[in-house]
Amino acid sequence: MATTERPSSVDGPTTVLLVSSNGGHLAQLIALREWWSARRRTWVTFDTPDAMSRLEGESVVAAHHPTTRNLRNLLRNTFLAWSVLRRVRPELVVSTGAAVALPFFVVARLHGIPTVYIEVYDRVDSRTLTGRLCRPFTTRFLVQSERQLDLYPDSTMLGRLV
């Protein structure tokens, strides 16, 4: 049975790793400011002017891009994930996608670190590729639309972030 959940600013882990591509994926993680602002956090995203301006003053690790159909950058981001997870030692990894999330979720799973994947709100008729790939490595899978509950059984309804 699906539940609706809004993160509290006082519950949960104290150290988090927030992973996303730039643009809308990053905007959705930023929308969780009330939750993540009370925690030690490190961001992993692309070194683009948009992302860096949105995360000014935050601890940011630049991921390799492009990620779509780019095996070389997938491998580079996998090595980056090993390094960042060892250095930061987060208690939780959270992502809204896209492809940059996969290596971080796989490596987090291998290290026994819980992961939360938040499916983007604009895909309600089909599952995203990243959602399908990350699902086996995800501790909690959250959706933003009731229509997505049918696409991802046993997911949790979060509600729309932006």
Protein backbone atom coordinates (compact mmCIF):
# COMPACT_ATOMS: atom_id res chain seq x y z
CA MET A 1 0.00 0.00 0.00
CA ALA A 2 1.35 3.44 -0.92
CA THR A 3 1.91 6.08 1.69
CA THR A 4 2.36 9.82 1.41
CA GLU A 5 5.47 11.15 3.06
CA ARG A 6 7.09 14.53 3.53
CA PRO A 7 10.62 14.60 4.95
CA SER A 8 11.08 16.22 8.32
CA SER A 9 13.90 18.64 8.99
CA VAL A 10 14.86 16.81 12.19
CA ASP A 11 14.48 13.10 11.41
CA GLY A 12 16.98 10.80 9.76
CA PRO A 13 20.65 10.84 8.84
CA THR A 14 23.06 13.66 9.63
CA THR A 15 25.35 13.23 6.58
CA VAL A 16 23.90 12.93 3.08
CA LEU A 17 25.17 12.76 -0.47
CA LEU A 18 22.86 14.44 -2.99
CA VAL A 19 23.42 13.26 -6.57
CA SER A 20 21.81 14.60 -9.74
CA SER A 21 22.39 15.96 -13.16
CA ASN A 22 21.83 19.67 -13.59
CA GLY A 23 18.63 21.45 -14.65
CA GLY A 24 15.30 20.05 -13.51
CA HIS A 25 16.81 17.09 -11.66
CA LEU A 26 18.88 19.45 -9.54
CA ALA A 27 15.91 21.80 -9.04
CA GLN A 28 13.92 18.94 -7.53
CA LEU A 29 16.66 18.17 -5.00
CA ILE A 30 17.03 21.84 -4.16
CA ALA A 31 13.28 21.88 -3.44
CA LEU A 32 14.04 19.61 -0.46
CA ARG A 33 16.06 22.43 1.18
CA GLU A 34 14.04 22.27 4.40
CA TRP A 35 15.15 18.65 4.81
CA TRP A 36 18.79 18.80 3.68
CA SER A 37 19.69 22.18 5.17
CA ALA A 38 19.80 20.63 8.66
CA ARG A 39 22.39 18.05 7.55
CA ARG A 40 26.02 17.85 6.55
CA ARG A 41 25.85 17.38 2.82
CA THR A 42 27.88 16.99 -0.31
CA TRP A 43 26.46 17.42 -3.79
CA VAL A 44 27.48 15.55 -6.92
CA THR A 45 26.43 17.20 -10.16
CA PHE A 46 27.86 18.53 -13.40
CA ASP A 47 30.18 21.53 -13.43
CA THR A 48 27.86 23.80 -15.41
CA PRO A 49 27.25 27.50 -14.76
CA ASP A 50 23.61 26.80 -13.81
CA ALA A 51 24.44 24.06 -11.30
CA MET A 52 27.37 25.90 -9.75
CA SER A 53 25.36 29.11 -9.28
CA ARG A 54 22.49 27.21 -7.65
CA LEU A 55 24.90 25.45 -5.29
CA GLU A 56 27.12 28.41 -4.44
CA GLY A 57 28.51 27.96 -0.94
CA GLU A 58 27.78 24.21 -0.92
CA SER A 59 30.27 21.35 -1.02
CA VAL A 60 30.10 20.18 -4.64
CA VAL A 61 31.90 17.37 -6.47
CA ALA A 62 31.86 17.63 -10.25
CA ALA A 63 30.70 14.50 -12.04
CA HIS A 64 31.76 13.62 -15.56
CA HIS A 65 29.34 14.36 -18.37
CA PRO A 66 27.77 13.70 -20.77
CA THR A 67 26.40 10.51 -19.25
CA THR A 68 23.88 9.36 -21.83
CA ARG A 69 25.29 6.42 -23.77
CA ASN A 70 28.81 7.34 -22.70
CA LEU A 71 30.59 4.27 -21.33
CA ARG A 72 33.81 6.18 -20.63
CA ASN A 73 32.03 8.65 -18.34
CA LEU A 74 30.06 5.85 -16.70
CA LEU A 75 33.37 4.25 -15.72
CA ARG A 76 34.84 7.59 -14.64
CA ASN A 77 31.76 8.29 -12.48
CA THR A 78 32.00 4.81 -10.97
CA PHE A 79 35.56 5.52 -9.83
CA LEU A 80 34.39 8.94 -8.63
CA ALA A 81 31.61 7.27 -6.63
CA TRP A 82 34.11 4.95 -4.89
CA SER A 83 36.30 7.93 -4.00
CA VAL A 84 33.51 10.25 -2.85
CA LEU A 85 31.70 7.61 -0.78
CA ARG A 86 34.94 6.65 0.97
CA ARG A 87 35.84 10.27 1.68
CA VAL A 88 32.40 11.67 2.62
CA ARG A 89 31.05 8.55 4.34
CA PRO A 90 27.39 9.56 3.95
CA GLU A 91 24.67 7.84 5.91
CA LEU A 92 22.32 8.23 2.94
CA VAL A 93 22.56 8.84 -0.82
CA VAL A 94 19.61 10.68 -2.43
CA SER A 95 19.05 11.26 -6.14
CA THR A 96 16.47 12.45 -8.64
CA GLY A 97 18.57 11.14 -11.56
CA ALA A 98 19.56 11.14 -14.24
CA ALA A 99 22.29 8.71 -15.37
CA VAL A 100 24.91 10.06 -12.96
CA ALA A 101 22.91 8.42 -10.14
CA LEU A 102 23.52 4.84 -11.24
CA PRO A 103 27.20 4.43 -10.30
CA PHE A 104 26.62 6.14 -6.96
CA PHE A 105 23.70 3.84 -6.15
CA VAL A 106 25.61 0.71 -7.13
CA VAL A 107 28.66 1.67 -5.07
CA ALA A 108 26.49 2.79 -2.14
CA ARG A 109 24.75 -0.58 -2.17
CA LEU A 110 28.12 -2.35 -2.13
CA HIS A 111 29.10 -0.26 0.91
CA GLY A 112 25.78 -0.91 2.67
CA ILE A 113 24.74 2.75 2.48
CA PRO A 114 20.97 3.31 2.15
CA THR A 115 19.73 5.07 -0.99
CA VAL A 116 16.61 7.03 -1.85
CA TYR A 117 15.62 7.58 -5.45
CA ILE A 118 13.01 10.23 -6.26
CA GLU A 119 11.43 9.71 -9.67
CA VAL A 120 10.97 12.90 -11.66
CA TYR A 121 7.41 14.23 -11.68
CA ASP A 122 7.01 14.67 -15.44
CA ARG A 123 7.15 10.97 -16.39
CA VAL A 124 3.75 9.52 -15.54
CA ASP A 125 3.10 7.22 -18.52
CA SER A 126 6.36 5.25 -18.50
CA ARG A 127 9.30 4.56 -16.23
CA THR A 128 12.52 6.50 -16.78
CA LEU A 129 15.62 4.58 -17.79
CA THR A 130 17.47 5.78 -14.70
CA GLY A 131 14.55 4.81 -12.47
CA ARG A 132 14.55 1.31 -13.95
CA LEU A 133 18.33 0.95 -13.61
CA CYS A 134 18.58 2.37 -10.08
CA ARG A 135 15.56 0.53 -8.68
CA PRO A 136 17.44 -2.69 -7.77
CA PHE A 137 19.98 -0.63 -5.79
CA THR A 138 17.43 1.61 -4.08
CA THR A 139 16.42 1.30 -0.44
CA ARG A 140 13.39 3.60 -0.84
CA PHE A 141 11.82 4.62 -4.11
CA LEU A 142 9.70 7.78 -4.00
CA VAL A 143 7.30 9.08 -6.65
CA GLN A 144 5.78 12.51 -7.12
CA SER A 145 2.52 11.55 -8.85
CA GLU A 146 -0.18 9.04 -7.99
CA ARG A 147 -0.05 7.81 -11.59
CA GLN A 148 3.55 6.70 -10.97
CA LEU A 149 2.46 4.33 -8.21
CA ASP A 150 1.25 1.90 -10.88
CA LEU A 151 4.60 2.10 -12.68
CA TYR A 152 6.62 1.47 -9.52
CA PRO A 153 4.85 -0.98 -7.19
CA ASP A 154 5.91 -0.66 -3.54
CA SER A 155 7.04 2.94 -4.06
CA THR A 156 6.16 5.71 -1.63
CA MET A 157 4.18 8.77 -2.62
CA LEU A 158 6.18 11.91 -1.86
CA GLY A 159 4.16 14.45 -3.80
CA ARG A 160 5.34 17.02 -6.30
CA LEU A 161 8.52 18.88 -5.32
CA VAL A 162 8.44 21.72 -7.86
